[in-house]
Amino acid sequence: MNEASDDQDVRNFLVAINIGDLCGGVVTEITRSHGAAVTLDGFSTKALGSVGPLDLPWGDARLDALEVGRRITAEVTAVDLGEGIVRLSMAAAAHPELWAFLKGLERDEILSGTIAAIESFGVFVALDDGPAHPVFPGVGFITYPELAWQRFEAAEEVVRLGQRVSCAFLQFDTWNGEARLSLRATRPDPFRAFAADNEVGRTLPGEVTRLLPFGAFVRVAEGIEGLVPLEELAWTSVEKPEDVLRVGAGVLAVITGLDRERRRLLLSLRQTSPGPDGASR
């Protein structure tokens, strides 16, 4: 058989495979960077199957759980005719009920559940509907940025163990086999209301909340903090915010930037005080 004939045979085999199909085969090669190559049942002359490092069963020692010659069953996640490769997921085949549940979710769908665990990297939610997770305390997971619109130091300021919550579904995390959720998406964004009522040039009272090497953060409304860059703290040169401010101090700040898309607020303190020539700016 020539190369053109081989390529046509590969294509003919691949076009009959659909995403979601279960395929069996034998592991023929394992690499740390690419995962496992699999010779699929029905096409023994070439390893067309590929199981990436992220597509192994949850709870296993990942690639250490595989060995050359092992038979596997995996779900087809993609068919690349150009590369001549079938992308496979062993995780999907190992936990079909969970996988089917997660694939059936739609963006922004509201899911209810109970806070099952609070970790330093996020919060697990045991969902009311769907199966349990084979490894984690809950199928739902909320990253810290998606807990609340306002700044907080600890997740316990926003949620508590056993609390009932309703969250918006963001995406299916195929690496961990979980539903990424957003709690803040179910609540009004205070920045939108703030941006609708304010504009660049307006002066607002505020309170200093944080001092950092590049400037200071000032709270000008409930849940709204703006950055005062170092050069906007005073008309004179300031090396450290601590030289001119303290946390908790009341100040007047001028809005110098209002980015509605990125939810960023820039402020100036020096523009509320007389300049070097004694005139207000």
C-alpha atoms as a PDB file:
ATOM      1  CA  MET A   1       0.000   0.000   0.000  1.00  0.00           C
ATOM      2  CA  ASN A   2       1.297   3.470  -0.837  1.00  0.00           C
ATOM      3  CA  GLU A   3       1.127   6.551   1.388  1.00  0.00           C
ATOM      4  CA  ALA A   4      -1.907   8.005  -0.387  1.00  0.00           C
ATOM      5  CA  SER A   5      -3.773   4.742   0.071  1.00  0.00           C
ATOM      6  CA  ASP A   6      -2.803   4.636   3.760  1.00  0.00           C
ATOM      7  CA  ASP A   7      -4.090   8.182   4.281  1.00  0.00           C
ATOM      8  CA  GLN A   8      -7.380   7.316   2.590  1.00  0.00           C
ATOM      9  CA  ASP A   9      -7.788   4.243   4.791  1.00  0.00           C
ATOM     10  CA  VAL A  10      -7.224   6.396   7.886  1.00  0.00           C
ATOM     11  CA  ARG A  11      -9.753   8.954   6.692  1.00  0.00           C
ATOM     12  CA  ASN A  12     -12.336   6.303   5.867  1.00  0.00           C
ATOM     13  CA  PHE A  13     -11.947   4.877   9.361  1.00  0.00           C
ATOM     14  CA  LEU A  14     -12.158   8.257  11.091  1.00  0.00           C
ATOM     15  CA  VAL A  15     -15.223   9.597   9.268  1.00  0.00           C
ATOM     16  CA  ALA A  16     -17.255   6.732  10.721  1.00  0.00           C
ATOM     17  CA  ILE A  17     -16.425   7.844  14.279  1.00  0.00           C
ATOM     18  CA  ASN A  18     -18.592  10.422  16.046  1.00  0.00           C
ATOM     19  CA  ILE A  19     -18.029  12.564  19.101  1.00  0.00           C
ATOM     20  CA  GLY A  20     -19.538  10.767  22.077  1.00  0.00           C
ATOM     21  CA  ASP A  21     -18.821   7.282  20.716  1.00  0.00           C
ATOM     22  CA  LEU A  22     -17.107   4.768  22.993  1.00  0.00           C
ATOM     23  CA  CYS A  23     -13.978   3.270  21.479  1.00  0.00           C
ATOM     24  CA  GLY A  24     -11.838   0.374  22.661  1.00  0.00           C
ATOM     25  CA  GLY A  25      -8.171  -0.110  22.007  1.00  0.00           C
ATOM     26  CA  VAL A  26      -4.714  -0.930  23.313  1.00  0.00           C
ATOM     27  CA  VAL A  27      -2.156   1.542  24.684  1.00  0.00           C
ATOM     28  CA  THR A  28       0.931   1.406  22.459  1.00  0.00           C
ATOM     29  CA  GLU A  29       2.991   4.340  23.738  1.00  0.00           C
ATOM     30  CA  ILE A  30       3.093   6.720  26.732  1.00  0.00           C
ATOM     31  CA  THR A  31       4.817  10.094  26.923  1.00  0.00           C
ATOM     32  CA  ARG A  32       4.684  12.685  29.709  1.00  0.00           C
ATOM     33  CA  SER A  33       3.968  15.558  27.335  1.00  0.00           C
ATOM     34  CA  HIS A  34       1.353  13.973  25.060  1.00  0.00           C
ATOM     35  CA  GLY A  35      -0.214  11.199  27.118  1.00  0.00           C
ATOM     36  CA  ALA A  36      -1.062   7.808  25.620  1.00  0.00           C
ATOM     37  CA  ALA A  37      -1.221   6.652  22.004  1.00  0.00           C
ATOM     38  CA  VAL A  38      -3.893   4.004  21.422  1.00  0.00           C
ATOM     39  CA  THR A  39      -4.322   1.466  18.639  1.00  0.00           C
ATOM     40  CA  LEU A  40      -8.083   1.417  18.145  1.00  0.00           C
ATOM     41  CA  ASP A  41     -10.142  -1.700  17.557  1.00  0.00           C
ATOM     42  CA  GLY A  42     -10.770  -2.041  13.836  1.00  0.00           C
ATOM     43  CA  PHE A  43      -7.569  -0.292  12.735  1.00  0.00           C
ATOM     44  CA  SER A  44      -4.476  -2.161  13.856  1.00  0.00           C
ATOM     45  CA  THR A  45      -1.851  -0.721  11.498  1.00  0.00           C
ATOM     46  CA  LYS A  46      -1.488   2.656  13.211  1.00  0.00           C
ATOM     47  CA  ALA A  47      -2.219   4.239  16.604  1.00  0.00           C
ATOM     48  CA  LEU A  48      -4.972   6.727  15.815  1.00  0.00           C
ATOM     49  CA  GLY A  49      -6.283   7.233  19.352  1.00  0.00           C
ATOM     50  CA  SER A  50      -4.838   9.820  21.738  1.00  0.00           C
ATOM     51  CA  VAL A  51      -5.568  10.173  25.465  1.00  0.00           C
ATOM     52  CA  GLY A  52      -4.143  13.441  26.756  1.00  0.00           C
ATOM     53  CA  PRO A  53      -2.720  13.863  30.277  1.00  0.00           C
ATOM     54  CA  LEU A  54      -5.908  15.723  31.230  1.00  0.00           C
ATOM     55  CA  ASP A  55      -8.237  12.969  30.020  1.00  0.00           C
ATOM     56  CA  LEU A  56      -7.321  10.155  32.405  1.00  0.00           C
ATOM     57  CA  PRO A  57      -9.731   8.946  35.112  1.00  0.00           C
ATOM     58  CA  TRP A  58      -9.996  11.215  38.154  1.00  0.00           C
ATOM     59  CA  GLY A  59      -8.395   9.805  41.248  1.00  0.00           C
ATOM     60  CA  ASP A  60      -5.852   7.694  39.364  1.00  0.00           C
ATOM     61  CA  ALA A  61      -2.167   8.532  39.418  1.00  0.00           C
ATOM     62  CA  ARG A  62      -2.709   9.960  35.937  1.00  0.00           C
ATOM     63  CA  LEU A  63      -0.141   8.551  33.478  1.00  0.00           C
ATOM     64  CA  ASP A  64       1.290   6.247  36.153  1.00  0.00           C
ATOM     65  CA  ALA A  65      -2.000   4.347  36.005  1.00  0.00           C
ATOM     66  CA  LEU A  66      -1.402   3.387  32.362  1.00  0.00           C
ATOM     67  CA  GLU A  67       0.984   0.916  30.824  1.00  0.00           C
ATOM     68  CA  VAL A  68       1.784  -0.188  27.298  1.00  0.00           C
ATOM     69  CA  GLY A  69      -0.396  -3.129  26.306  1.00  0.00           C
ATOM     70  CA  ARG A  70      -3.340  -2.196  28.545  1.00  0.00           C
ATOM     71  CA  ARG A  71      -6.786  -2.331  27.001  1.00  0.00           C
ATOM     72  CA  ILE A  72      -8.896   0.754  27.580  1.00  0.00           C
ATOM     73  CA  THR A  73     -12.329   2.098  26.754  1.00  0.00           C
ATOM     74  CA  ALA A  74     -12.675   5.821  26.223  1.00  0.00           C
ATOM     75  CA  GLU A  75     -15.170   8.355  24.897  1.00  0.00           C
ATOM     76  CA  VAL A  76     -14.458  10.269  21.695  1.00  0.00           C
ATOM     77  CA  THR A  77     -14.167  14.003  22.371  1.00  0.00           C
ATOM     78  CA  ALA A  78     -12.853  15.088  18.955  1.00  0.00           C
ATOM     79  CA  VAL A  79     -11.977  13.662  15.531  1.00  0.00           C
ATOM     80  CA  ASP A  80      -9.166  15.488  13.724  1.00  0.00           C
ATOM     81  CA  LEU A  81      -9.217  14.394  10.085  1.00  0.00           C
ATOM     82  CA  GLY A  82      -6.296  16.635   9.198  1.00  0.00           C
ATOM     83  CA  GLU A  83      -4.015  15.158  11.845  1.00  0.00           C
ATOM     84  CA  GLY A  84      -5.524  11.701  11.587  1.00  0.00           C
ATOM     85  CA  ILE A  85      -6.202  11.510  15.333  1.00  0.00           C
ATOM     86  CA  VAL A  86      -9.125  10.563  17.538  1.00  0.00           C
ATOM     87  CA  ARG A  87      -9.085  12.467  20.856  1.00  0.00           C
ATOM     88  CA  LEU A  88     -10.241  10.250  23.689  1.00  0.00           C
ATOM     89  CA  SER A  89     -11.288  10.690  27.308  1.00  0.00           C
ATOM     90  CA  MET A  90     -11.010   7.824  29.769  1.00  0.00           C
ATOM     91  CA  ALA A  91     -12.590  10.002  32.457  1.00  0.00           C
ATOM     92  CA  ALA A  92     -15.780  10.268  30.434  1.00  0.00           C
ATOM     93  CA  ALA A  93     -15.982   6.486  30.006  1.00  0.00           C
ATOM     94  CA  ALA A  94     -15.173   5.810  33.664  1.00  0.00           C
ATOM     95  CA  HIS A  95     -17.959   8.092  34.950  1.00  0.00           C
ATOM     96  CA  PRO A  96     -20.601   8.223  32.208  1.00  0.00           C
ATOM     97  CA  GLU A  97     -23.454   9.448  34.438  1.00  0.00           C
ATOM     98  CA  LEU A  98     -21.430  12.385  35.738  1.00  0.00           C
ATOM     99  CA  TRP A  99     -20.064  13.212  32.292  1.00  0.00           C
ATOM    100  CA  ALA A 100     -23.526  13.150  30.726  1.00  0.00           C
ATOM    101  CA  PHE A 101     -24.873  15.422  33.466  1.00  0.00           C
ATOM    102  CA  LEU A 102     -22.098  17.972  33.010  1.00  0.00           C
ATOM    103  CA  LYS A 103     -22.321  17.955  29.216  1.00  0.00           C
ATOM    104  CA  GLY A 104     -26.049  18.617  29.450  1.00  0.00           C
ATOM    105  CA  LEU A 105     -25.643  21.893  31.356  1.00  0.00           C
ATOM    106  CA  GLU A 106     -26.047  25.216  29.557  1.00  0.00           C
ATOM    107  CA  ARG A 107     -24.182  28.480  30.090  1.00  0.00           C
ATOM    108  CA  ASP A 108     -25.887  30.705  32.716  1.00  0.00           C
ATOM    109  CA  GLU A 109     -28.196  27.886  33.828  1.00  0.00           C
ATOM    110  CA  ILE A 110     -29.009  28.307  37.521  1.00  0.00           C
ATOM    111  CA  LEU A 111     -27.981  25.371  39.715  1.00  0.00           C
ATOM    112  CA  SER A 112     -28.807  24.968  43.399  1.00  0.00           C
ATOM    113  CA  GLY A 113     -26.860  23.131  46.053  1.00  0.00           C
ATOM    114  CA  THR A 114     -25.099  23.221  49.399  1.00  0.00           C
ATOM    115  CA  ILE A 115     -21.618  24.498  50.260  1.00  0.00           C
ATOM    116  CA  ALA A 116     -19.728  21.244  50.871  1.00  0.00           C
ATOM    117  CA  ALA A 117     -16.146  22.456  51.439  1.00  0.00           C
ATOM    118  CA  ILE A 118     -14.213  25.718  51.594  1.00  0.00           C
ATOM    119  CA  GLU A 119     -10.604  25.502  50.428  1.00  0.00           C
ATOM    120  CA  SER A 120      -7.816  28.019  49.859  1.00  0.00           C
ATOM    121  CA  PHE A 121      -8.319  27.651  46.080  1.00  0.00           C
ATOM    122  CA  GLY A 122     -12.114  27.773  45.941  1.00  0.00           C
ATOM    123  CA  VAL A 123     -15.434  26.443  47.199  1.00  0.00           C
ATOM    124  CA  PHE A 124     -17.066  23.080  46.438  1.00  0.00           C
ATOM    125  CA  VAL A 125     -20.833  22.843  46.016  1.00  0.00           C
ATOM    126  CA  ALA A 126     -22.819  19.613  46.332  1.00  0.00           C
ATOM    127  CA  LEU A 127     -25.480  20.089  43.671  1.00  0.00           C
ATOM    128  CA  ASP A 128     -29.079  19.054  44.239  1.00  0.00           C
ATOM    129  CA  ASP A 129     -29.310  17.472  40.795  1.00  0.00           C
ATOM    130  CA  GLY A 130     -26.861  15.092  39.212  1.00  0.00           C
ATOM    131  CA  PRO A 131     -24.509  12.451  40.622  1.00  0.00           C
ATOM    132  CA  ALA A 132     -21.861  12.825  43.295  1.00  0.00           C
ATOM    133  CA  HIS A 133     -18.256  13.423  42.303  1.00  0.00           C
ATOM    134  CA  PRO A 134     -15.944  10.396  42.661  1.00  0.00           C
ATOM    135  CA  VAL A 135     -13.134  12.474  44.195  1.00  0.00           C
ATOM    136  CA  PHE A 136     -14.275  15.917  45.326  1.00  0.00           C
ATOM    137  CA  PRO A 137     -16.864  16.945  47.964  1.00  0.00           C
ATOM    138  CA  GLY A 138     -19.136  18.349  45.287  1.00  0.00           C
ATOM    139  CA  VAL A 139     -19.629  18.459  41.522  1.00  0.00           C
ATOM    140  CA  GLY A 140     -19.906  22.266  41.582  1.00  0.00           C
ATOM    141  CA  PHE A 141     -16.894  24.512  42.111  1.00  0.00           C
ATOM    142  CA  ILE A 142     -16.663  28.288  42.625  1.00  0.00           C
ATOM    143  CA  THR A 143     -13.325  30.055  42.235  1.00  0.00           C
ATOM    144  CA  TYR A 144     -12.698  32.968  44.585  1.00  0.00           C
ATOM    145  CA  PRO A 145     -13.268  35.714  41.969  1.00  0.00           C
ATOM    146  CA  GLU A 146     -16.720  34.255  41.254  1.00  0.00           C
ATOM    147  CA  LEU A 147     -17.874  34.318  44.883  1.00  0.00           C
ATOM    148  CA  ALA A 148     -18.720  38.012  45.144  1.00  0.00           C
ATOM    149  CA  TRP A 149     -18.424  41.341  43.359  1.00  0.00           C
ATOM    150  CA  GLN A 150     -16.855  43.063  46.341  1.00  0.00           C
ATOM    151  CA  ARG A 151     -13.367  42.413  47.694  1.00  0.00           C
ATOM    152  CA  PHE A 152     -13.019  39.999  50.599  1.00  0.00           C
ATOM    153  CA  GLU A 153     -10.166  38.446  52.551  1.00  0.00           C
ATOM    154  CA  ALA A 154     -11.630  34.980  53.225  1.00  0.00           C
ATOM    155  CA  ALA A 155     -14.349  32.924  51.570  1.00  0.00           C
ATOM    156  CA  GLU A 156     -16.085  32.621  54.935  1.00  0.00           C
ATOM    157  CA  GLU A 157     -16.984  36.301  54.623  1.00  0.00           C
ATOM    158  CA  VAL A 158     -19.236  35.325  51.712  1.00  0.00           C
ATOM    159  CA  VAL A 159     -20.351  31.729  52.310  1.00  0.00           C
ATOM    160  CA  ARG A 160     -20.383  29.153  55.101  1.00  0.00           C
ATOM    161  CA  LEU A 161     -20.385  25.366  55.230  1.00  0.00           C
ATOM    162  CA  GLY A 162     -23.848  23.931  54.792  1.00  0.00           C
ATOM    163  CA  GLN A 163     -25.244  27.138  53.285  1.00  0.00           C
ATOM    164  CA  ARG A 164     -27.782  26.787  50.491  1.00  0.00           C
ATOM    165  CA  VAL A 165     -26.775  28.649  47.324  1.00  0.00           C
ATOM    166  CA  SER A 166     -27.965  29.162  43.758  1.00  0.00           C
ATOM    167  CA  CYS A 167     -25.242  29.740  41.185  1.00  0.00           C
ATOM    168  CA  ALA A 168     -24.911  30.329  37.456  1.00  0.00           C
ATOM    169  CA  PHE A 169     -23.180  27.619  35.416  1.00  0.00           C
ATOM    170  CA  LEU A 170     -20.094  28.901  33.596  1.00  0.00           C
ATOM    171  CA  GLN A 171     -18.439  25.886  32.002  1.00  0.00           C
ATOM    172  CA  PHE A 172     -17.708  22.169  32.161  1.00  0.00           C
ATOM    173  CA  ASP A 173     -14.209  21.663  33.565  1.00  0.00           C
ATOM    174  CA  THR A 174     -13.182  18.427  31.831  1.00  0.00           C
ATOM    175  CA  TRP A 175      -9.862  18.277  33.699  1.00  0.00           C
ATOM    176  CA  ASN A 176     -11.502  17.964  37.121  1.00  0.00           C
ATOM    177  CA  GLY A 177     -14.890  16.718  35.964  1.00  0.00           C
ATOM    178  CA  GLU A 178     -16.812  19.507  37.638  1.00  0.00           C
ATOM    179  CA  ALA A 179     -19.207  22.346  36.938  1.00  0.00           C
ATOM    180  CA  ARG A 180     -17.573  25.756  37.256  1.00  0.00           C
ATOM    181  CA  LEU A 181     -20.069  28.059  38.916  1.00  0.00           C
ATOM    182  CA  SER A 182     -20.529  31.731  39.706  1.00  0.00           C
ATOM    183  CA  LEU A 183     -22.298  32.957  42.816  1.00  0.00           C
ATOM    184  CA  ARG A 184     -21.746  36.630  42.040  1.00  0.00           C
ATOM    185  CA  ALA A 185     -23.440  36.291  38.632  1.00  0.00           C
ATOM    186  CA  THR A 186     -26.744  35.730  40.433  1.00  0.00           C
ATOM    187  CA  ARG A 187     -26.433  39.038  42.271  1.00  0.00           C
ATOM    188  CA  PRO A 188     -26.519  42.662  41.042  1.00  0.00           C
ATOM    189  CA  ASP A 189     -23.165  44.110  40.020  1.00  0.00           C
ATOM    190  CA  PRO A 190     -22.649  47.233  42.173  1.00  0.00           C
ATOM    191  CA  PHE A 191     -20.148  48.639  39.684  1.00  0.00           C
ATOM    192  CA  ARG A 192     -22.803  48.955  36.982  1.00  0.00           C
ATOM    193  CA  ALA A 193     -25.034  51.026  39.232  1.00  0.00           C
ATOM    194  CA  PHE A 194     -22.043  53.116  40.333  1.00  0.00           C
ATOM    195  CA  ALA A 195     -20.924  53.739  36.739  1.00  0.00           C
ATOM    196  CA  ALA A 196     -24.449  54.776  35.747  1.00  0.00           C
ATOM    197  CA  ASP A 197     -24.557  57.457  38.461  1.00  0.00           C
ATOM    198  CA  ASN A 198     -20.996  58.794  38.200  1.00  0.00           C
ATOM    199  CA  GLU A 199     -18.573  60.148  35.622  1.00  0.00           C
ATOM    200  CA  VAL A 200     -14.964  61.260  35.236  1.00  0.00           C
ATOM    201  CA  GLY A 201     -14.310  64.515  37.072  1.00  0.00           C
ATOM    202  CA  ARG A 202     -16.716  63.953  39.943  1.00  0.00           C
ATOM    203  CA  THR A 203     -15.406  64.331  43.496  1.00  0.00           C
ATOM    204  CA  LEU A 204     -16.456  61.730  46.067  1.00  0.00           C
ATOM    205  CA  PRO A 205     -15.773  61.118  49.742  1.00  0.00           C
ATOM    206  CA  GLY A 206     -14.035  57.854  50.503  1.00  0.00           C
ATOM    207  CA  GLU A 207     -12.028  55.748  52.939  1.00  0.00           C
ATOM    208  CA  VAL A 208      -8.533  54.367  52.415  1.00  0.00           C
ATOM    209  CA  THR A 209      -8.696  50.542  52.510  1.00  0.00           C
ATOM    210  CA  ARG A 210      -5.277  49.370  51.317  1.00  0.00           C
ATOM    211  CA  LEU A 211      -1.776  50.755  50.849  1.00  0.00           C
ATOM    212  CA  LEU A 212       0.417  49.115  48.213  1.00  0.00           C
ATOM    213  CA  PRO A 213       3.794  50.029  46.666  1.00  0.00           C
ATOM    214  CA  PHE A 214       2.093  51.375  43.525  1.00  0.00           C
ATOM    215  CA  GLY A 215      -0.644  53.405  45.229  1.00  0.00           C
ATOM    216  CA  ALA A 216      -3.674  53.201  47.478  1.00  0.00           C
ATOM    217  CA  PHE A 217      -7.189  51.800  47.236  1.00  0.00           C
ATOM    218  CA  VAL A 218     -10.085  53.975  48.365  1.00  0.00           C
ATOM    219  CA  ARG A 219     -13.660  52.817  48.956  1.00  0.00           C
ATOM    220  CA  VAL A 220     -16.053  55.400  47.510  1.00  0.00           C
ATOM    221  CA  ALA A 221     -19.300  53.386  47.766  1.00  0.00           C
ATOM    222  CA  GLU A 222     -20.503  50.052  49.132  1.00  0.00           C
ATOM    223  CA  GLY A 223     -18.563  47.368  47.264  1.00  0.00           C
ATOM    224  CA  ILE A 224     -16.725  49.946  45.134  1.00  0.00           C
ATOM    225  CA  GLU A 225     -12.987  50.591  45.478  1.00  0.00           C
ATOM    226  CA  GLY A 226     -10.800  52.665  43.195  1.00  0.00           C
ATOM    227  CA  LEU A 227      -7.047  52.835  42.753  1.00  0.00           C
ATOM    228  CA  VAL A 228      -5.140  56.027  43.431  1.00  0.00           C
ATOM    229  CA  PRO A 229      -1.808  55.615  41.590  1.00  0.00           C
ATOM    230  CA  LEU A 230       1.296  56.719  43.465  1.00  0.00           C
ATOM    231  CA  GLU A 231       1.659  59.861  41.344  1.00  0.00           C
ATOM    232  CA  GLU A 232      -1.928  60.896  42.119  1.00  0.00           C
ATOM    233  CA  LEU A 233      -1.541  60.826  45.914  1.00  0.00           C
ATOM    234  CA  ALA A 234      -0.056  64.313  46.199  1.00  0.00           C
ATOM    235  CA  TRP A 235       1.457  67.123  44.144  1.00  0.00           C
ATOM    236  CA  THR A 236       4.841  66.467  45.712  1.00  0.00           C
ATOM    237  CA  SER A 237       6.810  63.292  45.005  1.00  0.00           C
ATOM    238  CA  VAL A 238       5.701  60.338  47.152  1.00  0.00           C
ATOM    239  CA  GLU A 239       7.936  57.300  47.594  1.00  0.00           C
ATOM    240  CA  LYS A 240       5.522  55.240  49.667  1.00  0.00           C
ATOM    241  CA  PRO A 241       1.775  55.680  50.249  1.00  0.00           C
ATOM    242  CA  GLU A 242       2.439  55.290  53.974  1.00  0.00           C
ATOM    243  CA  ASP A 243       4.262  58.630  53.884  1.00  0.00           C
ATOM    244  CA  VAL A 244       1.021  60.530  53.237  1.00  0.00           C
ATOM    245  CA  LEU A 245      -1.872  58.146  54.084  1.00  0.00           C
ATOM    246  CA  ARG A 246      -3.062  55.593  56.582  1.00  0.00           C
ATOM    247  CA  VAL A 247      -5.657  52.837  56.265  1.00  0.00           C
ATOM    248  CA  GLY A 248      -9.019  54.021  57.517  1.00  0.00           C
ATOM    249  CA  ALA A 249      -8.395  57.689  56.728  1.00  0.00           C
ATOM    250  CA  GLY A 250     -11.248  59.676  55.213  1.00  0.00           C
ATOM    251  CA  VAL A 251     -10.379  61.428  51.939  1.00  0.00           C
ATOM    252  CA  LEU A 252     -11.865  63.253  48.988  1.00  0.00           C
ATOM    253  CA  ALA A 253     -11.101  61.696  45.599  1.00  0.00           C
ATOM    254  CA  VAL A 254     -11.671  62.750  41.995  1.00  0.00           C
ATOM    255  CA  ILE A 255     -12.684  60.138  39.415  1.00  0.00           C
ATOM    256  CA  THR A 256     -10.033  60.128  36.667  1.00  0.00           C
ATOM    257  CA  GLY A 257     -10.904  56.852  34.949  1.00  0.00           C
ATOM    258  CA  LEU A 258     -14.072  54.751  34.745  1.00  0.00           C
ATOM    259  CA  ASP A 259     -13.800  51.542  32.702  1.00  0.00           C
ATOM    260  CA  ARG A 260     -17.209  49.893  32.645  1.00  0.00           C
ATOM    261  CA  GLU A 261     -16.090  46.816  30.702  1.00  0.00           C
ATOM    262  CA  ARG A 262     -13.129  45.982  32.943  1.00  0.00           C
ATOM    263  CA  ARG A 263     -14.835  47.291  36.083  1.00  0.00           C
ATOM    264  CA  ARG A 264     -11.882  49.530  36.907  1.00  0.00           C
ATOM    265  CA  LEU A 265     -11.990  52.828  38.746  1.00  0.00           C
ATOM    266  CA  LEU A 266      -9.074  55.277  38.875  1.00  0.00           C
ATOM    267  CA  LEU A 267      -8.980  58.102  41.391  1.00  0.00           C
ATOM    268  CA  SER A 268      -6.844  61.105  42.279  1.00  0.00           C
ATOM    269  CA  LEU A 269      -6.329  62.682  45.684  1.00  0.00           C
ATOM    270  CA  ARG A 270      -3.993  65.434  44.597  1.00  0.00           C
ATOM    271  CA  GLN A 271      -6.646  66.961  42.308  1.00  0.00           C
ATOM    272  CA  THR A 272      -8.776  67.740  45.380  1.00  0.00           C
ATOM    273  CA  SER A 273      -6.013  69.810  46.969  1.00  0.00           C
ATOM    274  CA  PRO A 274      -4.248  73.039  45.966  1.00  0.00           C
ATOM    275  CA  GLY A 275      -1.386  72.620  43.495  1.00  0.00           C
ATOM    276  CA  PRO A 276       2.164  73.838  43.963  1.00  0.00           C
ATOM    277  CA  ASP A 277       1.085  77.366  43.021  1.00  0.00           C
ATOM    278  CA  GLY A 278      -1.690  77.344  45.638  1.00  0.00           C
ATOM    279  CA  ALA A 279      -4.523  77.020  43.110  1.00  0.00           C
ATOM    280  CA  SER A 280      -6.976  74.113  43.106  1.00  0.00           C
ATOM    281  CA  ARG A 281      -6.729  71.868  40.081  1.00  0.00           C
END
